[in-house]
Amino acid sequence: MKKILFLFILLAIGLITGCNEHNESDWKLSSTFGVPYTDDQGVERSFTLRGIENKLGITDAPLTVGVSQKVVWHFWDQEDNLIGKSFKVDGISAKTGEQVTLFESDPLVLAPNLGATTSLPSGIKLTSTGLWKLNIYLDNEHYESLFVEGKEPN
């Protein structure tokens, strides 16, 4: 009987820890991908974004802690899934656990860029170094998550 109770307790602990949706050990920096474009002189180039290819990407630039920085969000999805929806980004620091709203905007409008269905510039400011999970919401429904890194100022 004691063995069964012990096994039950171990199973319950495993289920509880396995269901933790904020398990930072599963977090890793989102990958980068290139988006081809032609510059003003007609030269083929590639712009590097960080995110999920063919769905969501942001400019791949260092995010310096404590400094508001311009980030351009690019969405590849059907217009109906994007246009007219409010946009919000919440960030969670893996290091501190701090959760902050980084950006909110009026409904998205059609603004194609680099082949994306729409794009939106924003300013975000991370408050600590290390890995951050950026939760993206459209009309207050979770759309996707990206992982970025906050860097120390030079």
C-alpha atoms as a PDB file:
ATOM      1  CA  MET A   1       0.000   0.000   0.000  1.00  0.00           C
ATOM      2  CA  LYS A   2       2.843   2.386   0.863  1.00  0.00           C
ATOM      3  CA  LYS A   3       4.476   1.675  -2.519  1.00  0.00           C
ATOM      4  CA  ILE A   4       1.258   2.501  -4.363  1.00  0.00           C
ATOM      5  CA  LEU A   5       0.835   5.746  -2.404  1.00  0.00           C
ATOM      6  CA  PHE A   6       4.475   6.672  -3.050  1.00  0.00           C
ATOM      7  CA  LEU A   7       4.092   6.004  -6.796  1.00  0.00           C
ATOM      8  CA  PHE A   8       0.874   8.025  -6.875  1.00  0.00           C
ATOM      9  CA  ILE A   9       2.603  10.989  -5.213  1.00  0.00           C
ATOM     10  CA  LEU A  10       5.518  10.805  -7.674  1.00  0.00           C
ATOM     11  CA  LEU A  11       3.090  10.670 -10.597  1.00  0.00           C
ATOM     12  CA  ALA A  12       1.144  13.676  -9.277  1.00  0.00           C
ATOM     13  CA  ILE A  13       4.340  15.705  -8.818  1.00  0.00           C
ATOM     14  CA  GLY A  14       5.438  14.793 -12.351  1.00  0.00           C
ATOM     15  CA  LEU A  15       2.100  15.870 -13.806  1.00  0.00           C
ATOM     16  CA  ILE A  16       2.094  19.150 -11.914  1.00  0.00           C
ATOM     17  CA  THR A  17       5.622  20.124 -12.957  1.00  0.00           C
ATOM     18  CA  GLY A  18       5.088  18.853 -16.510  1.00  0.00           C
ATOM     19  CA  CYS A  19       2.044  21.082 -16.992  1.00  0.00           C
ATOM     20  CA  ASN A  20       3.818  24.301 -16.038  1.00  0.00           C
ATOM     21  CA  GLU A  21       3.178  26.598 -19.022  1.00  0.00           C
ATOM     22  CA  HIS A  22       5.912  29.035 -17.937  1.00  0.00           C
ATOM     23  CA  ASN A  23       8.722  26.464 -17.930  1.00  0.00           C
ATOM     24  CA  GLU A  24      11.676  28.673 -18.823  1.00  0.00           C
ATOM     25  CA  SER A  25      13.913  25.632 -19.391  1.00  0.00           C
ATOM     26  CA  ASP A  26      11.981  25.063 -22.647  1.00  0.00           C
ATOM     27  CA  TRP A  27      12.641  28.611 -23.831  1.00  0.00           C
ATOM     28  CA  LYS A  28      15.168  29.239 -26.584  1.00  0.00           C
ATOM     29  CA  LEU A  29      15.955  32.184 -28.803  1.00  0.00           C
ATOM     30  CA  SER A  30      13.675  32.288 -31.847  1.00  0.00           C
ATOM     31  CA  SER A  31      15.451  31.478 -35.081  1.00  0.00           C
ATOM     32  CA  THR A  32      16.299  33.966 -37.806  1.00  0.00           C
ATOM     33  CA  PHE A  33      15.319  33.821 -41.456  1.00  0.00           C
ATOM     34  CA  GLY A  34      16.028  35.872 -44.539  1.00  0.00           C
ATOM     35  CA  VAL A  35      13.471  37.765 -46.580  1.00  0.00           C
ATOM     36  CA  PRO A  36      14.628  38.655 -50.107  1.00  0.00           C
ATOM     37  CA  TYR A  37      14.050  42.135 -51.518  1.00  0.00           C
ATOM     38  CA  THR A  38      15.379  44.384 -54.274  1.00  0.00           C
ATOM     39  CA  ASP A  39      17.011  47.633 -53.162  1.00  0.00           C
ATOM     40  CA  ASP A  40      16.689  51.059 -54.856  1.00  0.00           C
ATOM     41  CA  GLN A  41      19.532  50.240 -57.257  1.00  0.00           C
ATOM     42  CA  GLY A  42      17.904  46.964 -58.356  1.00  0.00           C
ATOM     43  CA  VAL A  43      20.289  44.758 -56.358  1.00  0.00           C
ATOM     44  CA  GLU A  44      18.831  41.585 -54.815  1.00  0.00           C
ATOM     45  CA  ARG A  45      19.401  41.520 -51.044  1.00  0.00           C
ATOM     46  CA  SER A  46      18.106  39.699 -47.990  1.00  0.00           C
ATOM     47  CA  PHE A  47      16.729  41.250 -44.802  1.00  0.00           C
ATOM     48  CA  THR A  48      17.162  39.177 -41.603  1.00  0.00           C
ATOM     49  CA  LEU A  49      14.156  38.751 -39.317  1.00  0.00           C
ATOM     50  CA  ARG A  50      13.761  36.797 -36.081  1.00  0.00           C
ATOM     51  CA  GLY A  51      10.626  34.747 -35.512  1.00  0.00           C
ATOM     52  CA  ILE A  52       8.593  32.134 -37.324  1.00  0.00           C
ATOM     53  CA  GLU A  53       9.157  32.017 -41.070  1.00  0.00           C
ATOM     54  CA  ASN A  54       5.999  32.614 -43.141  1.00  0.00           C
ATOM     55  CA  LYS A  55       4.031  33.676 -40.028  1.00  0.00           C
ATOM     56  CA  LEU A  56       5.638  36.375 -37.876  1.00  0.00           C
ATOM     57  CA  GLY A  57       8.980  38.142 -37.720  1.00  0.00           C
ATOM     58  CA  ILE A  58      10.650  41.177 -36.224  1.00  0.00           C
ATOM     59  CA  THR A  59      13.753  43.042 -37.269  1.00  0.00           C
ATOM     60  CA  ASP A  60      16.769  41.102 -36.006  1.00  0.00           C
ATOM     61  CA  ALA A  61      18.644  43.818 -34.156  1.00  0.00           C
ATOM     62  CA  PRO A  62      20.166  43.862 -30.666  1.00  0.00           C
ATOM     63  CA  LEU A  63      17.613  44.803 -28.003  1.00  0.00           C
ATOM     64  CA  THR A  64      19.452  46.972 -25.503  1.00  0.00           C
ATOM     65  CA  VAL A  65      18.029  46.903 -21.975  1.00  0.00           C
ATOM     66  CA  GLY A  66      16.586  50.171 -20.690  1.00  0.00           C
ATOM     67  CA  VAL A  67      16.392  51.786 -24.137  1.00  0.00           C
ATOM     68  CA  SER A  68      13.182  52.136 -26.139  1.00  0.00           C
ATOM     69  CA  GLN A  69      13.933  50.672 -29.552  1.00  0.00           C
ATOM     70  CA  LYS A  70      12.107  50.525 -32.843  1.00  0.00           C
ATOM     71  CA  VAL A  71      10.946  47.050 -33.801  1.00  0.00           C
ATOM     72  CA  VAL A  72       9.046  46.378 -37.027  1.00  0.00           C
ATOM     73  CA  TRP A  73       6.595  43.491 -36.820  1.00  0.00           C
ATOM     74  CA  HIS A  74       5.891  41.545 -40.040  1.00  0.00           C
ATOM     75  CA  PHE A  75       2.884  39.226 -40.372  1.00  0.00           C
ATOM     76  CA  TRP A  76       2.332  36.603 -43.065  1.00  0.00           C
ATOM     77  CA  ASP A  77      -1.260  35.436 -42.679  1.00  0.00           C
ATOM     78  CA  GLN A  78      -4.627  35.886 -44.326  1.00  0.00           C
ATOM     79  CA  GLU A  79      -5.851  39.483 -44.169  1.00  0.00           C
ATOM     80  CA  ASP A  80      -9.002  38.388 -42.317  1.00  0.00           C
ATOM     81  CA  ASN A  81      -6.833  37.039 -39.479  1.00  0.00           C
ATOM     82  CA  LEU A  82      -4.973  40.346 -39.083  1.00  0.00           C
ATOM     83  CA  ILE A  83      -6.577  43.498 -40.448  1.00  0.00           C
ATOM     84  CA  GLY A  84      -8.812  45.418 -38.047  1.00  0.00           C
ATOM     85  CA  LYS A  85      -7.555  43.544 -34.964  1.00  0.00           C
ATOM     86  CA  SER A  86      -5.932  45.198 -31.976  1.00  0.00           C
ATOM     87  CA  PHE A  87      -2.283  44.282 -31.385  1.00  0.00           C
ATOM     88  CA  LYS A  88      -0.575  43.771 -28.037  1.00  0.00           C
ATOM     89  CA  VAL A  89       2.804  42.411 -26.933  1.00  0.00           C
ATOM     90  CA  ASP A  90       3.457  41.207 -23.378  1.00  0.00           C
ATOM     91  CA  GLY A  91       6.969  40.255 -22.342  1.00  0.00           C
ATOM     92  CA  ILE A  92       8.132  37.851 -19.643  1.00  0.00           C
ATOM     93  CA  SER A  93      11.749  37.847 -18.459  1.00  0.00           C
ATOM     94  CA  ALA A  94      13.211  34.365 -17.928  1.00  0.00           C
ATOM     95  CA  LYS A  95      15.734  35.852 -15.502  1.00  0.00           C
ATOM     96  CA  THR A  96      13.405  37.823 -13.209  1.00  0.00           C
ATOM     97  CA  GLY A  97       9.935  36.484 -14.026  1.00  0.00           C
ATOM     98  CA  GLU A  98       8.799  40.077 -14.531  1.00  0.00           C
ATOM     99  CA  GLN A  99       5.827  40.394 -16.874  1.00  0.00           C
ATOM    100  CA  VAL A 100       5.183  43.709 -18.644  1.00  0.00           C
ATOM    101  CA  THR A 101       3.109  45.029 -21.508  1.00  0.00           C
ATOM    102  CA  LEU A 102       5.676  46.173 -24.064  1.00  0.00           C
ATOM    103  CA  PHE A 103       3.378  47.570 -26.747  1.00  0.00           C
ATOM    104  CA  GLU A 104      -0.299  48.067 -27.603  1.00  0.00           C
ATOM    105  CA  SER A 105      -1.774  49.530 -30.777  1.00  0.00           C
ATOM    106  CA  ASP A 106      -4.952  50.399 -32.531  1.00  0.00           C
ATOM    107  CA  PRO A 107      -6.292  47.833 -34.992  1.00  0.00           C
ATOM    108  CA  LEU A 108      -3.881  46.666 -37.681  1.00  0.00           C
ATOM    109  CA  VAL A 109      -4.237  48.135 -41.158  1.00  0.00           C
ATOM    110  CA  LEU A 110      -3.038  46.770 -44.470  1.00  0.00           C
ATOM    111  CA  ALA A 111       0.646  47.781 -44.740  1.00  0.00           C
ATOM    112  CA  PRO A 112       2.563  45.197 -46.786  1.00  0.00           C
ATOM    113  CA  ASN A 113       6.347  45.170 -46.415  1.00  0.00           C
ATOM    114  CA  LEU A 114       9.026  42.677 -47.516  1.00  0.00           C
ATOM    115  CA  GLY A 115       6.331  40.374 -48.847  1.00  0.00           C
ATOM    116  CA  ALA A 116       4.440  40.299 -45.531  1.00  0.00           C
ATOM    117  CA  THR A 117       0.668  40.746 -45.493  1.00  0.00           C
ATOM    118  CA  THR A 118       1.074  43.641 -43.087  1.00  0.00           C
ATOM    119  CA  SER A 119       3.739  45.268 -40.941  1.00  0.00           C
ATOM    120  CA  LEU A 120       3.730  47.580 -37.962  1.00  0.00           C
ATOM    121  CA  PRO A 121       6.517  49.635 -36.373  1.00  0.00           C
ATOM    122  CA  SER A 122       6.609  49.805 -32.597  1.00  0.00           C
ATOM    123  CA  GLY A 123       8.843  50.845 -29.758  1.00  0.00           C
ATOM    124  CA  ILE A 124       9.670  48.312 -27.049  1.00  0.00           C
ATOM    125  CA  LYS A 125      11.864  48.580 -23.970  1.00  0.00           C
ATOM    126  CA  LEU A 126      13.139  45.492 -22.143  1.00  0.00           C
ATOM    127  CA  THR A 127      13.924  45.998 -18.457  1.00  0.00           C
ATOM    128  CA  SER A 128      16.487  43.237 -17.838  1.00  0.00           C
ATOM    129  CA  THR A 129      19.119  41.230 -19.680  1.00  0.00           C
ATOM    130  CA  GLY A 130      18.660  37.664 -20.824  1.00  0.00           C
ATOM    131  CA  LEU A 131      15.949  35.749 -22.596  1.00  0.00           C
ATOM    132  CA  TRP A 132      12.456  37.220 -22.963  1.00  0.00           C
ATOM    133  CA  LYS A 133       9.257  35.547 -24.139  1.00  0.00           C
ATOM    134  CA  LEU A 134       7.153  37.949 -26.199  1.00  0.00           C
ATOM    135  CA  ASN A 135       3.499  36.911 -26.258  1.00  0.00           C
ATOM    136  CA  ILE A 136       1.670  38.445 -29.204  1.00  0.00           C
ATOM    137  CA  TYR A 137      -2.091  39.009 -28.991  1.00  0.00           C
ATOM    138  CA  LEU A 138      -4.577  39.980 -31.693  1.00  0.00           C
ATOM    139  CA  ASP A 139      -7.927  41.144 -30.302  1.00  0.00           C
ATOM    140  CA  ASN A 140      -6.769  39.843 -26.889  1.00  0.00           C
ATOM    141  CA  GLU A 141      -6.336  36.286 -28.214  1.00  0.00           C
ATOM    142  CA  HIS A 142      -2.891  34.717 -28.105  1.00  0.00           C
ATOM    143  CA  TYR A 143      -1.502  34.647 -31.653  1.00  0.00           C
ATOM    144  CA  GLU A 144       2.088  33.493 -31.221  1.00  0.00           C
ATOM    145  CA  SER A 145       5.200  33.800 -29.030  1.00  0.00           C
ATOM    146  CA  LEU A 146       8.705  34.896 -29.939  1.00  0.00           C
ATOM    147  CA  PHE A 147      11.870  34.649 -27.873  1.00  0.00           C
ATOM    148  CA  VAL A 148      14.428  37.461 -27.896  1.00  0.00           C
ATOM    149  CA  GLU A 149      17.432  38.462 -25.832  1.00  0.00           C
ATOM    150  CA  GLY A 150      17.969  41.662 -23.871  1.00  0.00           C
ATOM    151  CA  LYS A 151      21.572  42.908 -24.046  1.00  0.00           C
ATOM    152  CA  GLU A 152      23.563  45.199 -21.761  1.00  0.00           C
ATOM    153  CA  PRO A 153      24.130  48.721 -23.103  1.00  0.00           C
ATOM    154  CA  ASN A 154      27.651  49.281 -24.502  1.00  0.00           C
END
